[in-house]
C-alpha atoms as a PDB file:
ATOM      1  CA  MET A   1     -18.383 -19.259  21.872  1.00  0.00           C
ATOM      2  CA  LEU A   2     -16.078 -22.118  22.864  1.00  0.00           C
ATOM      3  CA  ASP A   3     -18.681 -24.723  21.927  1.00  0.00           C
ATOM      4  CA  TYR A   4     -19.210 -23.035  18.553  1.00  0.00           C
ATOM      5  CA  VAL A   5     -15.489 -23.163  17.700  1.00  0.00           C
ATOM      6  CA  LEU A   6     -15.140 -26.791  18.808  1.00  0.00           C
ATOM      7  CA  ILE A   7     -18.186 -27.882  16.798  1.00  0.00           C
ATOM      8  CA  TYR A   8     -16.936 -25.894  13.796  1.00  0.00           C
ATOM      9  CA  SER A   9     -13.646 -27.823  13.896  1.00  0.00           C
ATOM     10  CA  LEU A  10     -15.475 -31.136  14.279  1.00  0.00           C
ATOM     11  CA  GLU A  11     -17.999 -30.566  11.488  1.00  0.00           C
ATOM     12  CA  LYS A  12     -15.703 -28.828   8.983  1.00  0.00           C
ATOM     13  CA  GLY A  13     -12.532 -30.787   9.762  1.00  0.00           C
ATOM     14  CA  LYS A  14     -10.691 -27.501  10.322  1.00  0.00           C
ATOM     15  CA  LYS A  15      -7.722 -26.692  12.509  1.00  0.00           C
ATOM     16  CA  ILE A  16      -8.325 -24.330  15.426  1.00  0.00           C
ATOM     17  CA  ASN A  17      -6.056 -22.770  18.041  1.00  0.00           C
ATOM     18  CA  ILE A  18      -6.649 -23.255  21.765  1.00  0.00           C
ATOM     19  CA  ARG A  19      -5.097 -22.001  24.975  1.00  0.00           C
ATOM     20  CA  TYR A  20      -5.012 -25.040  27.246  1.00  0.00           C
ATOM     21  CA  LYS A  21      -4.255 -25.223  30.965  1.00  0.00           C
ATOM     22  CA  LYS A  22      -2.871 -28.384  32.507  1.00  0.00           C
ATOM     23  CA  ASP A  23      -0.893 -28.740  35.736  1.00  0.00           C
ATOM     24  CA  ASN A  24      -0.728 -24.941  36.149  1.00  0.00           C
ATOM     25  CA  LYS A  25       0.903 -24.533  32.725  1.00  0.00           C
ATOM     26  CA  VAL A  26      -0.770 -22.810  29.800  1.00  0.00           C
ATOM     27  CA  THR A  27       0.107 -23.917  26.277  1.00  0.00           C
ATOM     28  CA  LEU A  28      -1.027 -22.842  22.835  1.00  0.00           C
ATOM     29  CA  ARG A  29      -2.148 -25.761  20.710  1.00  0.00           C
ATOM     30  CA  ASP A  30      -3.315 -26.157  17.146  1.00  0.00           C
ATOM     31  CA  ILE A  31      -5.834 -28.993  17.096  1.00  0.00           C
ATOM     32  CA  LYS A  32      -8.426 -30.586  14.830  1.00  0.00           C
ATOM     33  CA  VAL A  33     -11.403 -31.935  16.777  1.00  0.00           C
ATOM     34  CA  LEU A  34     -12.258 -35.568  16.020  1.00  0.00           C
ATOM     35  CA  ASN A  35     -14.915 -36.270  18.659  1.00  0.00           C
ATOM     36  CA  ILE A  36     -16.792 -34.478  21.417  1.00  0.00           C
ATOM     37  CA  LYS A  37     -18.297 -36.539  24.210  1.00  0.00           C
ATOM     38  CA  ASN A  38     -19.681 -34.570  27.150  1.00  0.00           C
ATOM     39  CA  ASP A  39     -16.706 -32.497  28.305  1.00  0.00           C
ATOM     40  CA  ASP A  40     -14.041 -34.704  26.707  1.00  0.00           C
ATOM     41  CA  ILE A  41     -12.521 -33.542  23.435  1.00  0.00           C
ATOM     42  CA  LYS A  42     -10.618 -36.006  21.265  1.00  0.00           C
ATOM     43  CA  ALA A  43      -8.449 -34.139  18.772  1.00  0.00           C
ATOM     44  CA  TYR A  44      -5.358 -34.333  16.638  1.00  0.00           C
ATOM     45  CA  CYS A  45      -2.723 -32.142  18.313  1.00  0.00           C
ATOM     46  CA  TYR A  46      -0.281 -30.552  15.880  1.00  0.00           C
ATOM     47  CA  LEU A  47       2.165 -29.753  18.706  1.00  0.00           C
ATOM     48  CA  ARG A  48       2.517 -33.391  19.781  1.00  0.00           C
ATOM     49  CA  HIS A  49       1.761 -34.877  16.331  1.00  0.00           C
ATOM     50  CA  GLU A  50      -0.713 -37.372  17.741  1.00  0.00           C
ATOM     51  CA  ILE A  51      -4.301 -37.796  18.860  1.00  0.00           C
ATOM     52  CA  ARG A  52      -4.805 -36.378  22.342  1.00  0.00           C
ATOM     53  CA  ASN A  53      -7.671 -35.985  24.804  1.00  0.00           C
ATOM     54  CA  PHE A  54      -8.528 -32.570  26.208  1.00  0.00           C
ATOM     55  CA  LYS A  55     -10.889 -31.577  29.008  1.00  0.00           C
ATOM     56  CA  LYS A  56     -13.248 -28.817  27.918  1.00  0.00           C
ATOM     57  CA  ASP A  57     -12.970 -27.175  31.341  1.00  0.00           C
ATOM     58  CA  ASN A  58      -9.218 -26.745  30.763  1.00  0.00           C
ATOM     59  CA  ILE A  59      -9.627 -24.931  27.431  1.00  0.00           C
ATOM     60  CA  LEU A  60      -9.240 -21.250  28.240  1.00  0.00           C
ATOM     61  CA  SER A  61      -9.996 -19.964  24.729  1.00  0.00           C
ATOM     62  CA  ALA A  62     -10.396 -21.185  21.161  1.00  0.00           C
ATOM     63  CA  ILE A  63     -10.167 -19.358  17.845  1.00  0.00           C
ATOM     64  CA  MET A  64     -10.735 -20.292  14.222  1.00  0.00           C
ATOM     65  CA  TYR A  65      -8.194 -19.671  11.496  1.00  0.00           C
ATOM     66  CA  ASN A  66      -9.243 -17.577   8.504  1.00  0.00           C
ATOM     67  CA  PHE A  67      -7.910 -19.919   5.837  1.00  0.00           C
END
C-alpha cells in the first residue's frame, strides 16, 4: 500500500500525508513526491517548506487526501 500511495503522489502531483520516523522521533508530514529512486524519496515537504529526501524504510504510513 505504501508504494501505491507514493506512486500516486508522484504520477498525479498530489499531496499525501506520511508518518515519518527519524532519530527515534515520529513526525507527521504533508509531502508531494518528486522522484523515487530505489528506497530514496525526493519530495516537497510542506512542514519545512523545501525539498527533502526521505528513506522509504522510515515511512511508517502514508495516506492520500480526498480532495
